[in-house]
Amino acid sequence: MRRLTPPDSPNLLVGAASGDDAAVYRLSDERALVVTADFITPVVDDARDWGRVAAANAVSDIYAMGGTPLLGLNLVCWNTEKLSNDLLGDVLLGGQDIAHECGFVVAGGHTVDDPEPKYGMAVVGDVHPDKMLTNAGLRAGQSLVLTKPLGIGIITTAQKRDVVDAATMQAAITFMTTTNAAGAAAAVAAGASGATDVTGFGLLGHAGRMAQESGVGLEIVVDDVPVIVGATELAADGVVPGGTGRNLAWIEEWLDIGAGVDDLDVTILADAQTSGGLVFGVDPDAAHDVVAGLAADGHTAAVIGRAVDGDGQIALRRS
């Protein structure tokens, strides 16, 4: 990226410099486009489930900016010699399921031949320029809300090693295919300004970047962070994705690990997620209502800590 000329446009409200979830381009004083693209390799066995996971993962970037998705384009890499068109049809139907659920249109896309299959979407949405969420909008004193439990990366790794039970795997699929639409709506309604989704860089990586861009520190209460049942035991047995180790290597210098917080706790907080939840900051008085509202709608949300004065440091504490 350092070799590229930085974009120079007064209408580019969010670009690559801040490492945010999507680009935002202002069309008028009251409307801006939110644009993103994301695709993944298979993380589940069922083709339609994979399509749903990949589409939910892609549109999550729109929701993380407080936007509303409008239009999607399929992005497909497909091994035409070994994989059937019927199987691809199932993948695309999964993407269509999420599009219908979220109310946006899939209007085509692009396919290339590739030995390793990949699927995702480019998604365009819109947002009011004054109401968008960014990873630079967190403020000291706000409570941190997480809208999905961690452990997805651990569980999908366990599936690849054939060491996960069906109930645990199904729980992970359910969370991966649950979109962040409700979480984004709750964040915007509660007056949030800083948010990000928790995906490949894990909670520590994404929240840490948000802290750095916002110029605050974070205090995370480890016991309050929800984790999918079964993921902790798998991680204790060494079932951890490679990306989690890379996440830890990047964020380690920013961590202040308190008494009683062990390596297993930190590993789970750095777990590389696929289609994880949102993490955002709201005033403490609003945080309980936000979590209660999401819980009533079937979401596993929790207040996991707070933003404090600081410069990107993350303090991990026991309750």
Protein backbone atom coordinates (compact mmCIF):
# COMPACT_ATOMS: atom_id res chain seq x y z
CA MET A 1 0.00 0.00 0.00
CA ARG A 2 2.90 2.40 0.67
CA ARG A 3 3.82 2.25 -3.02
CA LEU A 4 0.38 3.47 -4.09
CA THR A 5 -0.59 7.09 -4.49
CA PRO A 6 -3.09 7.99 -1.75
CA PRO A 7 -6.50 8.93 -3.14
CA ASP A 8 -7.13 12.66 -3.15
CA SER A 9 -10.83 13.47 -3.13
CA PRO A 10 -12.80 15.61 -0.69
CA ASN A 11 -15.74 13.26 -1.14
CA LEU A 12 -13.84 10.16 0.01
CA LEU A 13 -14.92 10.15 3.64
CA VAL A 14 -13.32 6.81 4.54
CA GLY A 15 -10.52 5.18 2.56
CA ALA A 16 -7.78 2.63 3.13
CA ALA A 17 -5.61 4.72 5.46
CA SER A 18 -7.57 3.95 8.63
CA GLY A 19 -8.00 0.24 7.95
CA ASP A 20 -11.76 0.59 8.27
CA ASP A 21 -14.31 -2.00 7.16
CA ALA A 22 -15.47 -0.31 3.94
CA ALA A 23 -14.92 2.75 1.79
CA VAL A 24 -17.38 5.64 2.08
CA TYR A 25 -17.89 8.15 -0.75
CA ARG A 26 -20.11 11.21 -0.28
CA LEU A 27 -22.72 11.85 -2.95
CA SER A 28 -24.44 14.76 -1.20
CA ASP A 29 -24.80 16.31 2.24
CA GLU A 30 -27.35 13.66 3.10
CA ARG A 31 -26.13 10.55 1.30
CA ALA A 32 -22.92 8.57 0.88
CA LEU A 33 -22.10 5.25 -0.76
CA VAL A 34 -20.55 2.46 1.32
CA VAL A 35 -18.55 0.01 -0.81
CA THR A 36 -16.84 -3.24 0.17
CA ALA A 37 -15.66 -6.58 -1.24
CA ASP A 38 -14.92 -9.80 0.61
CA PHE A 39 -14.57 -13.46 -0.32
CA ILE A 40 -13.47 -16.59 1.54
CA THR A 41 -12.50 -20.21 1.02
CA PRO A 42 -14.94 -22.87 2.30
CA VAL A 43 -15.28 -22.97 6.09
CA VAL A 44 -18.16 -25.47 6.25
CA ASP A 45 -19.03 -28.68 4.39
CA ASP A 46 -22.45 -27.76 3.00
CA ALA A 47 -22.27 -25.62 -0.16
CA ARG A 48 -25.38 -23.56 0.54
CA ASP A 49 -24.24 -22.90 4.11
CA TRP A 50 -20.89 -21.74 2.75
CA GLY A 51 -22.68 -19.33 0.44
CA ARG A 52 -24.69 -17.96 3.34
CA VAL A 53 -21.61 -17.56 5.53
CA ALA A 54 -19.64 -15.82 2.79
CA ALA A 55 -22.46 -13.42 1.94
CA ALA A 56 -23.14 -12.59 5.60
CA ASN A 57 -19.42 -11.99 6.04
CA ALA A 58 -19.29 -9.64 3.05
CA VAL A 59 -22.37 -7.57 3.87
CA SER A 60 -21.15 -7.25 7.47
CA ASP A 61 -18.74 -4.52 6.34
CA ILE A 62 -21.71 -2.38 5.25
CA TYR A 63 -23.39 -2.84 8.62
CA ALA A 64 -20.15 -2.10 10.47
CA MET A 65 -20.21 1.37 8.89
CA GLY A 66 -23.84 1.91 9.93
CA GLY A 67 -25.00 1.53 6.33
CA THR A 68 -27.87 -0.17 4.51
CA PRO A 69 -26.94 -2.67 1.75
CA LEU A 70 -28.43 -1.99 -1.68
CA LEU A 71 -26.65 -4.10 -4.30
CA GLY A 72 -24.33 -7.08 -4.40
CA LEU A 73 -22.17 -8.70 -7.08
CA ASN A 74 -21.01 -12.31 -6.70
CA LEU A 75 -17.26 -12.96 -6.69
CA VAL A 76 -16.47 -16.58 -7.58
CA CYS A 77 -13.28 -18.59 -8.00
CA TRP A 78 -14.23 -22.11 -9.11
CA ASN A 79 -12.40 -25.31 -10.01
CA THR A 80 -14.38 -26.20 -13.11
CA GLU A 81 -12.53 -29.50 -13.61
CA LYS A 82 -13.39 -30.94 -10.19
CA LEU A 83 -16.49 -29.10 -8.99
CA SER A 84 -19.90 -29.19 -10.66
CA ASN A 85 -22.02 -26.25 -11.74
CA ASP A 86 -24.83 -27.65 -9.58
CA LEU A 87 -22.59 -27.28 -6.53
CA LEU A 88 -21.82 -23.71 -7.54
CA GLY A 89 -25.55 -23.12 -7.88
CA ASP A 90 -25.98 -24.17 -4.25
CA VAL A 91 -23.29 -21.71 -3.17
CA LEU A 92 -24.96 -18.88 -5.07
CA LEU A 93 -28.35 -19.80 -3.61
CA GLY A 94 -26.82 -19.40 -0.16
CA GLY A 95 -25.67 -15.92 -1.09
CA GLN A 96 -29.13 -15.17 -2.44
CA ASP A 97 -30.65 -16.30 0.89
CA ILE A 98 -28.68 -13.63 2.75
CA ALA A 99 -29.44 -10.98 0.14
CA HIS A 100 -33.17 -11.64 0.46
CA GLU A 101 -32.95 -11.56 4.25
CA CYS A 102 -31.05 -8.25 4.23
CA GLY A 103 -33.13 -6.67 1.47
CA PHE A 104 -30.49 -6.10 -1.17
CA VAL A 105 -30.29 -7.19 -4.82
CA VAL A 106 -27.69 -9.53 -6.30
CA ALA A 107 -27.25 -8.29 -9.86
CA GLY A 108 -24.64 -10.62 -11.34
CA GLY A 109 -20.92 -10.88 -10.67
CA HIS A 110 -17.74 -12.40 -12.04
CA THR A 111 -16.21 -15.89 -12.11
CA VAL A 112 -12.66 -17.10 -12.73
CA ASP A 113 -11.21 -20.61 -12.90
CA ASP A 114 -9.18 -21.38 -9.79
CA PRO A 115 -7.85 -24.63 -8.26
CA GLU A 116 -9.11 -23.51 -4.83
CA PRO A 117 -12.76 -22.39 -4.65
CA LYS A 118 -13.57 -19.00 -3.17
CA TYR A 119 -16.83 -17.12 -2.88
CA GLY A 120 -17.97 -13.75 -1.64
CA MET A 121 -19.48 -10.49 -2.78
CA ALA A 122 -18.82 -6.89 -3.62
CA VAL A 123 -21.57 -4.96 -1.85
CA VAL A 124 -22.73 -1.36 -2.23
CA GLY A 125 -24.80 0.36 0.43
CA ASP A 126 -25.65 3.85 1.56
CA VAL A 127 -25.41 5.84 4.77
CA HIS A 128 -26.01 9.40 5.95
CA PRO A 129 -22.55 11.04 6.15
CA ASP A 130 -23.30 12.34 9.66
CA LYS A 131 -24.49 8.96 10.96
CA MET A 132 -21.83 6.56 9.69
CA LEU A 133 -19.89 4.36 12.09
CA THR A 134 -16.10 4.21 11.76
CA ASN A 135 -13.26 2.60 13.65
CA ALA A 136 -12.05 6.09 14.62
CA GLY A 137 -15.25 7.03 16.42
CA LEU A 138 -14.79 5.35 19.79
CA ARG A 139 -14.77 7.73 22.78
CA ALA A 140 -13.33 7.36 26.28
CA GLY A 141 -16.03 6.51 28.81
CA GLN A 142 -18.13 4.45 26.41
CA SER A 143 -19.08 0.86 27.14
CA LEU A 144 -17.99 -1.79 24.64
CA VAL A 145 -20.73 -4.04 23.25
CA LEU A 146 -19.96 -7.29 21.38
CA THR A 147 -22.86 -8.79 19.41
CA LYS A 148 -21.67 -12.38 18.77
CA PRO A 149 -19.63 -14.87 20.79
CA LEU A 150 -16.05 -15.75 19.87
CA GLY A 151 -14.66 -19.15 18.92
CA ILE A 152 -15.69 -19.49 15.27
CA GLY A 153 -12.11 -19.85 14.01
CA ILE A 154 -11.33 -22.51 16.60
CA ILE A 155 -14.44 -24.50 15.73
CA THR A 156 -13.98 -24.35 11.94
CA THR A 157 -10.37 -25.45 12.44
CA ALA A 158 -11.64 -28.35 14.53
CA GLN A 159 -13.94 -29.33 11.68
CA LYS A 160 -11.00 -29.43 9.27
CA ARG A 161 -9.24 -31.77 11.73
CA ASP A 162 -12.44 -33.81 12.22
CA VAL A 163 -12.43 -33.28 16.00
CA VAL A 164 -15.64 -31.28 16.52
CA ASP A 165 -19.08 -32.60 17.43
CA ALA A 166 -22.12 -31.81 15.32
CA ALA A 167 -23.83 -29.57 17.90
CA THR A 168 -20.79 -27.33 18.33
CA MET A 169 -20.33 -27.05 14.57
CA GLN A 170 -23.99 -26.21 14.04
CA ALA A 171 -23.76 -23.49 16.67
CA ALA A 172 -20.85 -21.93 14.78
CA ILE A 173 -22.78 -22.09 11.49
CA THR A 174 -25.78 -20.42 13.13
CA PHE A 175 -23.67 -17.53 14.38
CA MET A 176 -21.80 -17.18 11.06
CA THR A 177 -25.02 -17.00 9.07
CA THR A 178 -26.67 -14.52 11.45
CA THR A 179 -26.23 -11.11 9.87
CA ASN A 180 -25.16 -7.96 11.71
CA ALA A 181 -28.21 -6.00 10.60
CA ALA A 182 -29.80 -5.95 14.06
CA GLY A 183 -26.50 -5.14 15.75
CA ALA A 184 -25.89 -2.19 13.44
CA ALA A 185 -29.43 -0.88 13.93
CA ALA A 186 -29.02 -1.12 17.70
CA ALA A 187 -25.67 0.69 17.56
CA VAL A 188 -27.00 3.55 15.45
CA ALA A 189 -30.16 3.89 17.56
CA ALA A 190 -28.06 4.08 20.73
CA GLY A 191 -25.89 6.87 19.33
CA ALA A 192 -22.75 4.88 18.62
CA SER A 193 -20.10 6.53 16.45
CA GLY A 194 -17.30 3.95 16.63
CA ALA A 195 -17.74 0.36 15.46
CA THR A 196 -16.04 -2.45 13.61
CA ASP A 197 -16.86 -6.05 12.80
CA VAL A 198 -14.84 -8.88 14.30
CA THR A 199 -13.45 -11.06 11.52
CA GLY A 200 -10.01 -12.34 10.54
CA PHE A 201 -7.95 -10.25 12.97
CA GLY A 202 -9.99 -11.40 15.97
CA LEU A 203 -11.48 -9.28 18.73
CA LEU A 204 -8.08 -8.05 19.89
CA GLY A 205 -6.91 -7.13 16.40
CA HIS A 206 -10.05 -5.31 15.29
CA ALA A 207 -10.82 -3.64 18.61
CA GLY A 208 -7.14 -2.78 18.97
CA ARG A 209 -7.06 -1.05 15.59
CA MET A 210 -10.23 0.81 16.55
CA ALA A 211 -8.59 1.95 19.80
CA GLN A 212 -5.51 3.15 17.91
CA GLU A 213 -7.51 5.05 15.29
CA SER A 214 -9.76 6.55 17.98
CA GLY A 215 -6.91 7.55 20.29
CA VAL A 216 -8.28 5.68 23.31
CA GLY A 217 -7.38 2.67 25.42
CA LEU A 218 -9.57 -0.34 26.11
CA GLU A 219 -10.32 -2.31 29.24
CA ILE A 220 -11.76 -5.74 28.43
CA VAL A 221 -13.22 -7.95 31.16
CA VAL A 222 -12.30 -11.43 30.00
CA ASP A 223 -15.07 -13.18 31.95
CA ASP A 224 -17.72 -11.04 30.24
CA VAL A 225 -16.72 -11.95 26.68
CA PRO A 226 -19.16 -14.59 25.30
CA VAL A 227 -17.61 -17.71 23.75
CA ILE A 228 -19.38 -20.46 21.81
CA VAL A 229 -19.84 -23.54 23.99
CA GLY A 230 -17.10 -26.06 23.22
CA ALA A 231 -14.60 -23.61 21.74
CA THR A 232 -12.59 -23.14 24.95
CA GLU A 233 -12.07 -26.87 25.35
CA LEU A 234 -10.94 -27.22 21.73
CA ALA A 235 -8.47 -24.35 22.11
CA ALA A 236 -7.13 -25.93 25.31
CA ASP A 237 -6.40 -29.05 23.24
CA GLY A 238 -4.37 -26.97 20.78
CA VAL A 239 -7.03 -26.61 18.08
CA VAL A 240 -6.27 -23.05 16.99
CA PRO A 241 -6.16 -21.52 13.48
CA GLY A 242 -2.83 -20.20 12.21
CA GLY A 243 -4.30 -16.72 11.82
CA THR A 244 -4.83 -16.48 15.57
CA GLY A 245 -1.09 -16.71 16.20
CA ARG A 246 -0.43 -13.98 13.65
CA ASN A 247 -3.07 -11.82 15.32
CA LEU A 248 -1.34 -12.21 18.67
CA ALA A 249 2.04 -11.38 17.20
CA TRP A 250 0.65 -8.10 15.85
CA ILE A 251 -1.24 -6.98 18.97
CA GLU A 252 1.03 -8.36 21.70
CA GLU A 253 2.97 -5.14 22.29
CA TRP A 254 -0.29 -3.29 22.97
CA LEU A 255 -1.56 -5.72 25.63
CA ASP A 256 -1.54 -5.24 29.40
CA ILE A 257 -2.42 -8.68 30.72
CA GLY A 258 -3.76 -8.63 34.27
CA ALA A 259 -3.55 -11.17 37.07
CA GLY A 260 -5.46 -14.37 36.39
CA VAL A 261 -5.66 -13.87 32.62
CA ASP A 262 -3.86 -16.82 31.04
CA ASP A 263 -2.61 -17.75 27.57
CA LEU A 264 -5.84 -19.59 26.76
CA ASP A 265 -7.90 -16.48 27.48
CA VAL A 266 -5.72 -14.35 25.22
CA THR A 267 -5.78 -16.96 22.46
CA ILE A 268 -9.59 -16.96 22.39
CA LEU A 269 -9.70 -13.16 22.32
CA ALA A 270 -7.41 -13.26 19.28
CA ASP A 271 -9.31 -16.06 17.54
CA ALA A 272 -9.59 -15.38 13.81
CA GLN A 273 -13.33 -15.12 13.13
CA THR A 274 -15.36 -15.56 9.96
CA SER A 275 -18.59 -13.53 9.89
CA GLY A 276 -18.23 -12.51 13.53
CA GLY A 277 -20.21 -9.86 15.34
CA LEU A 278 -19.86 -6.13 15.75
CA VAL A 279 -18.03 -4.39 18.56
CA PHE A 280 -19.02 -0.78 19.23
CA GLY A 281 -19.06 1.87 21.90
CA VAL A 282 -22.16 3.41 23.50
CA ASP A 283 -22.80 5.51 26.58
CA PRO A 284 -22.91 3.31 29.71
CA ASP A 285 -26.51 4.29 30.42
CA ALA A 286 -27.57 2.89 27.03
CA ALA A 287 -25.45 -0.26 27.02
CA HIS A 288 -27.79 -2.43 29.12
CA ASP A 289 -30.79 -1.59 26.96
CA VAL A 290 -28.81 -2.33 23.79
CA VAL A 291 -27.79 -5.77 25.03
CA ALA A 292 -31.27 -6.54 26.37
CA GLY A 293 -32.85 -5.54 23.07
CA LEU A 294 -30.49 -7.72 21.05
CA ALA A 295 -31.00 -10.64 23.45
CA ALA A 296 -34.77 -10.32 23.06
CA ASP A 297 -34.22 -10.62 19.30
CA GLY A 298 -32.24 -13.84 19.74
CA HIS A 299 -28.71 -12.41 19.64
CA THR A 300 -25.88 -13.27 22.03
CA ALA A 301 -24.62 -9.81 22.95
CA ALA A 302 -22.70 -8.57 25.99
CA VAL A 303 -20.98 -5.55 27.46
CA ILE A 304 -17.35 -6.66 27.50
CA GLY A 305 -15.53 -3.61 28.85
CA ARG A 306 -15.07 0.08 28.21
CA ALA A 307 -13.01 2.66 26.37
CA VAL A 308 -10.68 4.76 28.54
CA ASP A 309 -8.14 7.52 28.09
CA GLY A 310 -5.13 6.08 26.30
CA ASP A 311 -3.41 5.55 23.00
CA GLY A 312 -4.35 2.11 21.74
CA GLN A 313 -3.43 -0.02 24.75
CA ILE A 314 -5.68 -2.94 25.73
CA ALA A 315 -5.91 -3.96 29.37
CA LEU A 316 -7.23 -7.50 29.93
CA ARG A 317 -8.75 -8.04 33.34
CA ARG A 318 -10.73 -10.57 35.35
CA SER A 319 -14.05 -9.45 36.77
